[in-house]
């Protein structure tokens, strides 16, 4: 894999969002000219009802603008490792 400084993930299960995903990605790249894609992964997963399309961009450049604009997660997840051999209750 090529070295990268940041990654951006676009993902949707809705058909109408899949139809415009290319435009969303193009607009995001225009809004972040300081970042250059060096690799792209496209993943499609599905079950009987839903199809999920994910495009992951691996980027080189100054990611500080992207990080400053990122919204804080609504429910941050904190994972605290347990010592080995400790049972979950």
PDB file of N, CA and C in Angstrom:
ATOM      1  N   UNK A   1       0.842  -1.177   0.000  1.00  0.00           N
ATOM      2  CA  UNK A   1       0.000   0.000   0.000  1.00  0.00           C
ATOM      3  C   UNK A   1       0.888   1.241   0.000  1.00  0.00           C
ATOM      4  N   UNK A   2       0.462   2.242  -0.713  1.00  0.00           N
ATOM      5  CA  UNK A   2       1.146   3.516  -0.786  1.00  0.00           C
ATOM      6  C   UNK A   2       1.064   4.233   0.566  1.00  0.00           C
ATOM      7  N   UNK A   3       2.082   4.982   0.913  1.00  0.00           N
ATOM      8  CA  UNK A   3       2.031   5.747   2.157  1.00  0.00           C
ATOM      9  C   UNK A   3       0.995   6.854   2.022  1.00  0.00           C
ATOM     10  N   UNK A   4       0.301   7.147   3.133  1.00  0.00           N
ATOM     11  CA  UNK A   4      -0.726   8.180   3.112  1.00  0.00           C
ATOM     12  C   UNK A   4      -0.727   8.925   4.436  1.00  0.00           C
ATOM     13  N   UNK A   5      -1.295  10.145   4.417  1.00  0.00           N
ATOM     14  CA  UNK A   5      -1.366  10.998   5.600  1.00  0.00           C
ATOM     15  C   UNK A   5      -2.752  11.018   6.226  1.00  0.00           C
ATOM     16  N   UNK A   6      -3.771  10.688   5.442  1.00  0.00           N
ATOM     17  CA  UNK A   6      -5.150  10.734   5.934  1.00  0.00           C
ATOM     18  C   UNK A   6      -5.994   9.823   5.064  1.00  0.00           C
ATOM     19  N   UNK A   7      -7.176   9.527   5.566  1.00  0.00           N
ATOM     20  CA  UNK A   7      -8.131   8.781   4.760  1.00  0.00           C
ATOM     21  C   UNK A   7      -9.523   9.360   4.976  1.00  0.00           C
ATOM     22  N   UNK A   8     -10.344   9.258   3.951  1.00  0.00           N
ATOM     23  CA  UNK A   8     -11.712   9.745   3.998  1.00  0.00           C
ATOM     24  C   UNK A   8     -12.595   8.630   3.490  1.00  0.00           C
ATOM     25  N   UNK A   9     -13.685   8.353   4.226  1.00  0.00           N
ATOM     26  CA  UNK A   9     -14.588   7.263   3.875  1.00  0.00           C
ATOM     27  C   UNK A   9     -15.959   7.842   3.520  1.00  0.00           C
ATOM     28  N   UNK A  10     -16.468   7.448   2.373  1.00  0.00           N
ATOM     29  CA  UNK A  10     -17.818   7.784   1.943  1.00  0.00           C
ATOM     30  C   UNK A  10     -18.586   6.468   1.884  1.00  0.00           C
ATOM     31  N   UNK A  11     -19.762   6.432   2.516  1.00  0.00           N
ATOM     32  CA  UNK A  11     -20.498   5.172   2.574  1.00  0.00           C
ATOM     33  C   UNK A  11     -21.996   5.445   2.600  1.00  0.00           C
ATOM     34  N   UNK A  12     -22.761   4.591   1.930  1.00  0.00           N
ATOM     35  CA  UNK A  12     -24.211   4.728   1.955  1.00  0.00           C
ATOM     36  C   UNK A  12     -24.876   3.402   1.623  1.00  0.00           C
ATOM     37  N   UNK A  13     -26.090   3.244   2.130  1.00  0.00           N
ATOM     38  CA  UNK A  13     -26.916   2.095   1.768  1.00  0.00           C
ATOM     39  C   UNK A  13     -28.117   2.531   0.927  1.00  0.00           C
ATOM     40  N   UNK A  14     -28.337   3.834   0.805  1.00  0.00           N
ATOM     41  CA  UNK A  14     -29.511   4.332   0.091  1.00  0.00           C
ATOM     42  C   UNK A  14     -29.221   4.515  -1.397  1.00  0.00           C
ATOM     43  N   UNK A  15     -30.132   4.020  -2.232  1.00  0.00           N
ATOM     44  CA  UNK A  15     -29.958   4.111  -3.681  1.00  0.00           C
ATOM     45  C   UNK A  15     -29.775   5.554  -4.136  1.00  0.00           C
ATOM     46  N   UNK A  16     -30.618   6.463  -3.623  1.00  0.00           N
ATOM     47  CA  UNK A  16     -30.521   7.857  -4.077  1.00  0.00           C
ATOM     48  C   UNK A  16     -29.171   8.469  -3.708  1.00  0.00           C
ATOM     49  N   UNK A  17     -28.586   8.044  -2.580  1.00  0.00           N
ATOM     50  CA  UNK A  17     -27.257   8.537  -2.202  1.00  0.00           C
ATOM     51  C   UNK A  17     -26.162   7.879  -3.040  1.00  0.00           C
ATOM     52  N   UNK A  18     -26.349   6.611  -3.390  1.00  0.00           N
ATOM     53  CA  UNK A  18     -25.375   5.945  -4.263  1.00  0.00           C
ATOM     54  C   UNK A  18     -25.331   6.615  -5.630  1.00  0.00           C
ATOM     55  N   UNK A  19     -26.498   7.083  -6.092  1.00  0.00           N
ATOM     56  CA  UNK A  19     -26.582   7.721  -7.407  1.00  0.00           C
ATOM     57  C   UNK A  19     -25.772   9.012  -7.477  1.00  0.00           C
ATOM     58  N   UNK A  20     -25.579   9.693  -6.351  1.00  0.00           N
ATOM     59  CA  UNK A  20     -24.864  10.982  -6.348  1.00  0.00           C
ATOM     60  C   UNK A  20     -23.530  10.913  -5.604  1.00  0.00           C
ATOM     61  N   UNK A  21     -23.107   9.710  -5.248  1.00  0.00           N
ATOM     62  CA  UNK A  21     -21.869   9.581  -4.479  1.00  0.00           C
ATOM     63  C   UNK A  21     -20.671  10.147  -5.235  1.00  0.00           C
ATOM     64  N   UNK A  22     -20.594   9.928  -6.528  1.00  0.00           N
ATOM     65  CA  UNK A  22     -19.480  10.448  -7.320  1.00  0.00           C
ATOM     66  C   UNK A  22     -19.401  11.968  -7.251  1.00  0.00           C
ATOM     67  N   UNK A  23     -20.559  12.625  -7.337  1.00  0.00           N
ATOM     68  CA  UNK A  23     -20.587  14.082  -7.235  1.00  0.00           C
ATOM     69  C   UNK A  23     -20.161  14.552  -5.841  1.00  0.00           C
ATOM     70  N   UNK A  24     -20.602  13.837  -4.809  1.00  0.00           N
ATOM     71  CA  UNK A  24     -20.212  14.193  -3.432  1.00  0.00           C
ATOM     72  C   UNK A  24     -18.708  14.078  -3.248  1.00  0.00           C
ATOM     73  N   UNK A  25     -18.128  13.005  -3.772  1.00  0.00           N
ATOM     74  CA  UNK A  25     -16.682  12.807  -3.645  1.00  0.00           C
ATOM     75  C   UNK A  25     -15.930  13.886  -4.427  1.00  0.00           C
ATOM     76  N   UNK A  26     -16.383  14.175  -5.644  1.00  0.00           N
ATOM     77  CA  UNK A  26     -15.739  15.213  -6.448  1.00  0.00           C
ATOM     78  C   UNK A  26     -15.792  16.562  -5.759  1.00  0.00           C
ATOM     79  N   UNK A  27     -16.939  16.902  -5.170  1.00  0.00           N
ATOM     80  CA  UNK A  27     -17.067  18.180  -4.467  1.00  0.00           C
ATOM     81  C   UNK A  27     -16.160  18.221  -3.246  1.00  0.00           C
ATOM     82  N   UNK A  28     -16.085  17.113  -2.515  1.00  0.00           N
ATOM     83  CA  UNK A  28     -15.221  17.062  -1.333  1.00  0.00           C
ATOM     84  C   UNK A  28     -13.765  17.268  -1.748  1.00  0.00           C
ATOM     85  N   UNK A  29     -13.343  16.645  -2.837  1.00  0.00           N
ATOM     86  CA  UNK A  29     -11.973  16.814  -3.308  1.00  0.00           C
ATOM     87  C   UNK A  29     -11.705  18.259  -3.738  1.00  0.00           C
ATOM     88  N   UNK A  30     -12.680  18.915  -4.367  1.00  0.00           N
ATOM     89  CA  UNK A  30     -12.537  20.332  -4.729  1.00  0.00           C
ATOM     90  C   UNK A  30     -12.403  21.198  -3.480  1.00  0.00           C
ATOM     91  N   UNK A  31     -13.136  20.833  -2.423  1.00  0.00           N
ATOM     92  CA  UNK A  31     -13.100  21.593  -1.169  1.00  0.00           C
ATOM     93  C   UNK A  31     -11.809  21.365  -0.381  1.00  0.00           C
ATOM     94  N   UNK A  32     -11.039  20.350  -0.737  1.00  0.00           N
ATOM     95  CA  UNK A  32      -9.799  20.001  -0.031  1.00  0.00           C
ATOM     96  C   UNK A  32      -8.640  19.841  -1.024  1.00  0.00           C
ATOM     97  N   UNK A  33      -8.267  20.945  -1.703  1.00  0.00           N
ATOM     98  CA  UNK A  33      -7.198  20.852  -2.709  1.00  0.00           C
ATOM     99  C   UNK A  33      -5.826  20.542  -2.105  1.00  0.00           C
ATOM    100  N   UNK A  34      -5.702  20.691  -0.793  1.00  0.00           N
ATOM    101  CA  UNK A  34      -4.427  20.400  -0.130  1.00  0.00           C
ATOM    102  C   UNK A  34      -4.174  18.899   0.001  1.00  0.00           C
ATOM    103  N   UNK A  35      -5.186  18.087  -0.333  1.00  0.00           N
ATOM    104  CA  UNK A  35      -5.071  16.629  -0.238  1.00  0.00           C
ATOM    105  C   UNK A  35      -5.153  16.005  -1.625  1.00  0.00           C
ATOM    106  N   UNK A  36      -4.295  15.031  -1.866  1.00  0.00           N
ATOM    107  CA  UNK A  36      -4.255  14.348  -3.154  1.00  0.00           C
ATOM    108  C   UNK A  36      -4.489  12.857  -2.932  1.00  0.00           C
ATOM    109  N   UNK A  37      -5.482  12.270  -3.616  1.00  0.00           N
ATOM    110  CA  UNK A  37      -5.694  10.828  -3.485  1.00  0.00           C
ATOM    111  C   UNK A  37      -4.505  10.056  -4.059  1.00  0.00           C
ATOM    112  N   UNK A  38      -4.028   9.086  -3.288  1.00  0.00           N
ATOM    113  CA  UNK A  38      -2.933   8.234  -3.761  1.00  0.00           C
ATOM    114  C   UNK A  38      -3.388   6.791  -3.949  1.00  0.00           C
ATOM    115  N   UNK A  39      -4.537   6.474  -3.374  1.00  0.00           N
ATOM    116  CA  UNK A  39      -5.108   5.132  -3.550  1.00  0.00           C
ATOM    117  C   UNK A  39      -6.589   5.210  -3.215  1.00  0.00           C
ATOM    118  N   UNK A  40      -7.366   4.352  -3.858  1.00  0.00           N
ATOM    119  CA  UNK A  40      -8.812   4.304  -3.635  1.00  0.00           C
ATOM    120  C   UNK A  40      -9.239   2.859  -3.495  1.00  0.00           C
ATOM    121  N   UNK A  41     -10.119   2.599  -2.530  1.00  0.00           N
ATOM    122  CA  UNK A  41     -10.712   1.263  -2.399  1.00  0.00           C
ATOM    123  C   UNK A  41     -12.223   1.412  -2.481  1.00  0.00           C
ATOM    124  N   UNK A  42     -12.845   0.601  -3.308  1.00  0.00           N
ATOM    125  CA  UNK A  42     -14.297   0.580  -3.431  1.00  0.00           C
ATOM    126  C   UNK A  42     -14.767  -0.772  -2.920  1.00  0.00           C
ATOM    127  N   UNK A  43     -15.698  -0.734  -1.971  1.00  0.00           N
ATOM    128  CA  UNK A  43     -16.201  -1.963  -1.355  1.00  0.00           C
ATOM    129  C   UNK A  43     -17.723  -1.969  -1.444  1.00  0.00           C
ATOM    130  N   UNK A  44     -18.270  -3.102  -1.838  1.00  0.00           N
ATOM    131  CA  UNK A  44     -19.718  -3.248  -1.877  1.00  0.00           C
ATOM    132  C   UNK A  44     -20.076  -4.469  -1.048  1.00  0.00           C
ATOM    133  N   UNK A  45     -20.964  -4.272  -0.097  1.00  0.00           N
ATOM    134  CA  UNK A  45     -21.448  -5.382   0.715  1.00  0.00           C
ATOM    135  C   UNK A  45     -22.966  -5.399   0.625  1.00  0.00           C
ATOM    136  N   UNK A  46     -23.543  -6.550   0.844  1.00  0.00           N
ATOM    137  CA  UNK A  46     -25.001  -6.613   0.780  1.00  0.00           C
ATOM    138  C   UNK A  46     -25.524  -7.808   1.558  1.00  0.00           C
ATOM    139  N   UNK A  47     -26.784  -7.678   1.907  1.00  0.00           N
ATOM    140  CA  UNK A  47     -27.519  -8.804   2.452  1.00  0.00           C
ATOM    141  C   UNK A  47     -28.791  -8.911   1.601  1.00  0.00           C
ATOM    142  N   UNK A  48     -29.817  -9.533   2.092  1.00  0.00           N
ATOM    143  CA  UNK A  48     -31.020  -9.726   1.278  1.00  0.00           C
ATOM    144  C   UNK A  48     -31.743  -8.422   0.970  1.00  0.00           C
ATOM    145  N   UNK A  49     -31.604  -7.410   1.839  1.00  0.00           N
ATOM    146  CA  UNK A  49     -32.362  -6.174   1.656  1.00  0.00           C
ATOM    147  C   UNK A  49     -31.514  -4.961   1.318  1.00  0.00           C
ATOM    148  N   UNK A  50     -30.313  -4.888   1.851  1.00  0.00           N
ATOM    149  CA  UNK A  50     -29.531  -3.664   1.739  1.00  0.00           C
ATOM    150  C   UNK A  50     -28.222  -3.898   1.001  1.00  0.00           C
ATOM    151  N   UNK A  51     -27.835  -2.888   0.243  1.00  0.00           N
ATOM    152  CA  UNK A  51     -26.551  -2.888  -0.452  1.00  0.00           C
ATOM    153  C   UNK A  51     -25.790  -1.654   0.022  1.00  0.00           C
ATOM    154  N   UNK A  52     -24.613  -1.851   0.540  1.00  0.00           N
ATOM    155  CA  UNK A  52     -23.810  -0.752   1.051  1.00  0.00           C
ATOM    156  C   UNK A  52     -22.610  -0.549   0.126  1.00  0.00           C
ATOM    157  N   UNK A  53     -22.452   0.685  -0.326  1.00  0.00           N
ATOM    158  CA  UNK A  53     -21.313   1.052  -1.152  1.00  0.00           C
ATOM    159  C   UNK A  53     -20.402   1.949  -0.330  1.00  0.00           C
ATOM    160  N   UNK A  54     -19.132   1.603  -0.272  1.00  0.00           N
ATOM    161  CA  UNK A  54     -18.147   2.378   0.472  1.00  0.00           C
ATOM    162  C   UNK A  54     -16.980   2.699  -0.447  1.00  0.00           C
ATOM    163  N   UNK A  55     -16.605   3.973  -0.474  1.00  0.00           N
ATOM    164  CA  UNK A  55     -15.425   4.422  -1.207  1.00  0.00           C
ATOM    165  C   UNK A  55     -14.477   5.006  -0.174  1.00  0.00           C
ATOM    166  N   UNK A  56     -13.282   4.443  -0.083  1.00  0.00           N
ATOM    167  CA  UNK A  56     -12.269   4.914   0.856  1.00  0.00           C
ATOM    168  C   UNK A  56     -11.139   5.545   0.065  1.00  0.00           C
ATOM    169  N   UNK A  57     -10.857   6.817   0.377  1.00  0.00           N
ATOM    170  CA  UNK A  57      -9.761   7.531  -0.263  1.00  0.00           C
ATOM    171  C   UNK A  57      -8.581   7.581   0.699  1.00  0.00           C
ATOM    172  N   UNK A  58      -7.406   7.209   0.214  1.00  0.00           N
ATOM    173  CA  UNK A  58      -6.167   7.356   0.975  1.00  0.00           C
ATOM    174  C   UNK A  58      -5.472   8.584   0.391  1.00  0.00           C
ATOM    175  N   UNK A  59      -5.118   9.529   1.259  1.00  0.00           N
ATOM    176  CA  UNK A  59      -4.716  10.852   0.812  1.00  0.00           C
ATOM    177  C   UNK A  59      -3.337  11.246   1.308  1.00  0.00           C
ATOM    178  N   UNK A  60      -2.632  12.037   0.499  1.00  0.00           N
ATOM    179  CA  UNK A  60      -1.361  12.643   0.894  1.00  0.00           C
ATOM    180  C   UNK A  60      -1.588  14.139   0.988  1.00  0.00           C
ATOM    181  N   UNK A  61      -0.900  14.781   1.940  1.00  0.00           N
ATOM    182  CA  UNK A  61      -0.987  16.228   2.064  1.00  0.00           C
ATOM    183  C   UNK A  61      -1.286  16.645   3.485  1.00  0.00           C
ATOM    184  N   UNK A  62      -1.585  17.929   3.633  1.00  0.00           N
ATOM    185  CA  UNK A  62      -1.856  18.512   4.947  1.00  0.00           C
ATOM    186  C   UNK A  62      -3.311  18.258   5.328  1.00  0.00           C
ATOM    187  N   UNK A  63      -3.540  17.371   6.279  1.00  0.00           N
ATOM    188  CA  UNK A  63      -4.896  16.992   6.682  1.00  0.00           C
ATOM    189  C   UNK A  63      -5.459  17.881   7.781  1.00  0.00           C
ATOM    190  N   UNK A  64      -4.748  18.926   8.189  1.00  0.00           N
ATOM    191  CA  UNK A  64      -5.208  19.748   9.315  1.00  0.00           C
ATOM    192  C   UNK A  64      -6.543  20.428   9.019  1.00  0.00           C
ATOM    193  N   UNK A  65      -6.766  20.901   7.786  1.00  0.00           N
ATOM    194  CA  UNK A  65      -8.049  21.527   7.439  1.00  0.00           C
ATOM    195  C   UNK A  65      -9.182  20.508   7.541  1.00  0.00           C
ATOM    196  N   UNK A  66      -8.943  19.302   7.054  1.00  0.00           N
ATOM    197  CA  UNK A  66      -9.955  18.257   7.094  1.00  0.00           C
ATOM    198  C   UNK A  66     -10.288  17.911   8.545  1.00  0.00           C
ATOM    199  N   UNK A  67      -9.269  17.804   9.380  1.00  0.00           N
ATOM    200  CA  UNK A  67      -9.487  17.453  10.781  1.00  0.00           C
ATOM    201  C   UNK A  67     -10.186  18.563  11.539  1.00  0.00           C
ATOM    202  N   UNK A  68      -9.866  19.811  11.230  1.00  0.00           N
ATOM    203  CA  UNK A  68     -10.501  20.943  11.909  1.00  0.00           C
ATOM    204  C   UNK A  68     -11.978  21.030  11.560  1.00  0.00           C
ATOM    205  N   UNK A  69     -12.345  20.611  10.354  1.00  0.00           N
ATOM    206  CA  UNK A  69     -13.731  20.695   9.903  1.00  0.00           C
ATOM    207  C   UNK A  69     -14.560  19.491  10.316  1.00  0.00           C
ATOM    208  N   UNK A  70     -13.924  18.451  10.822  1.00  0.00           N
ATOM    209  CA  UNK A  70     -14.655  17.226  11.174  1.00  0.00           C
ATOM    210  C   UNK A  70     -15.526  17.461  12.408  1.00  0.00           C
ATOM    211  N   UNK A  71     -16.809  17.116  12.326  1.00  0.00           N
ATOM    212  CA  UNK A  71     -17.677  17.261  13.497  1.00  0.00           C
ATOM    213  C   UNK A  71     -17.321  16.230  14.560  1.00  0.00           C
ATOM    214  N   UNK A  72     -17.521  16.616  15.802  1.00  0.00           N
ATOM    215  CA  UNK A  72     -17.298  15.676  16.894  1.00  0.00           C
ATOM    216  C   UNK A  72     -18.374  14.602  16.843  1.00  0.00           C
ATOM    217  N   UNK A  73     -18.032  13.360  17.140  1.00  0.00           N
ATOM    218  CA  UNK A  73     -19.055  12.311  17.120  1.00  0.00           C
ATOM    219  C   UNK A  73     -20.124  12.573  18.177  1.00  0.00           C
ATOM    220  N   UNK A  74     -21.366  12.249  17.840  1.00  0.00           N
ATOM    221  CA  UNK A  74     -22.473  12.461  18.775  1.00  0.00           C
ATOM    222  C   UNK A  74     -22.310  11.615  20.032  1.00  0.00           C
ATOM    223  N   UNK A  75     -21.817  10.418  19.855  1.00  0.00           N
ATOM    224  CA  UNK A  75     -21.612   9.501  20.973  1.00  0.00           C
ATOM    225  C   UNK A  75     -20.218   8.909  20.864  1.00  0.00           C
ATOM    226  N   UNK A  76     -19.214   9.612  21.373  1.00  0.00           N
ATOM    227  CA  UNK A  76     -17.860   9.067  21.253  1.00  0.00           C
ATOM    228  C   UNK A  76     -17.759   7.719  21.955  1.00  0.00           C
ATOM    229  N   UNK A  77     -17.018   6.840  21.364  1.00  0.00           N
ATOM    230  CA  UNK A  77     -16.858   5.500  21.921  1.00  0.00           C
ATOM    231  C   UNK A  77     -15.466   5.391  22.526  1.00  0.00           C
ATOM    232  N   UNK A  78     -15.424   5.026  23.764  1.00  0.00           N
ATOM    233  CA  UNK A  78     -14.154   4.837  24.450  1.00  0.00           C
ATOM    234  C   UNK A  78     -14.009   3.357  24.745  1.00  0.00           C
ATOM    235  N   UNK A  79     -12.899   2.806  24.356  1.00  0.00           N
ATOM    236  CA  UNK A  79     -12.639   1.392  24.600  1.00  0.00           C
ATOM    237  C   UNK A  79     -11.509   1.293  25.605  1.00  0.00           C
ATOM    238  N   UNK A  80     -11.777   0.618  26.699  1.00  0.00           N
ATOM    239  CA  UNK A  80     -10.765   0.413  27.734  1.00  0.00           C
ATOM    240  C   UNK A  80     -10.404  -1.063  27.725  1.00  0.00           C
ATOM    241  N   UNK A  81      -9.152  -1.381  27.411  1.00  0.00           N
ATOM    242  CA  UNK A  81      -8.774  -2.798  27.383  1.00  0.00           C
ATOM    243  C   UNK A  81      -8.829  -3.420  28.770  1.00  0.00           C
ATOM    244  N   UNK A  82      -9.258  -4.655  28.812  1.00  0.00           N
ATOM    245  CA  UNK A  82      -9.289  -5.413  30.067  1.00  0.00           C
ATOM    246  C   UNK A  82      -8.008  -6.230  30.193  1.00  0.00           C
ATOM    247  N   UNK A  83      -7.560  -6.412  31.400  1.00  0.00           N
ATOM    248  CA  UNK A  83      -6.426  -7.320  31.579  1.00  0.00           C
ATOM    249  C   UNK A  83      -6.809  -8.724  31.090  1.00  0.00           C
ATOM    250  N   UNK A  84      -5.868  -9.419  30.518  1.00  0.00           N
ATOM    251  CA  UNK A  84      -6.194 -10.757  30.009  1.00  0.00           C
ATOM    252  C   UNK A  84      -6.667 -11.648  31.143  1.00  0.00           C
ATOM    253  N   UNK A  85      -7.626 -12.490  30.821  1.00  0.00           N
ATOM    254  CA  UNK A  85      -8.174 -13.408  31.808  1.00  0.00           C
ATOM    255  C   UNK A  85      -9.331 -12.827  32.602  1.00  0.00           C
ATOM    256  N   UNK A  86      -9.683 -11.548  32.367  1.00  0.00           N
ATOM    257  CA  UNK A  86     -10.786 -10.927  33.066  1.00  0.00           C
ATOM    258  C   UNK A  86     -12.076 -11.241  32.337  1.00  0.00           C
ATOM    259  N   UNK A  87     -13.053 -11.761  33.050  1.00  0.00           N
ATOM    260  CA  UNK A  87     -14.327 -12.113  32.438  1.00  0.00           C
ATOM    261  C   UNK A  87     -15.196 -10.881  32.277  1.00  0.00           C
ATOM    262  N   UNK A  88     -16.001 -10.890  31.231  1.00  0.00           N
ATOM    263  CA  UNK A  88     -16.953  -9.813  31.006  1.00  0.00           C
ATOM    264  C   UNK A  88     -18.215 -10.093  31.804  1.00  0.00           C
ATOM    265  N   UNK A  89     -18.775  -9.090  32.430  1.00  0.00           N
ATOM    266  CA  UNK A  89     -19.984  -9.289  33.242  1.00  0.00           C
ATOM    267  C   UNK A  89     -21.211  -8.838  32.525  1.00  0.00           C
TER     268      UNK A  89
END
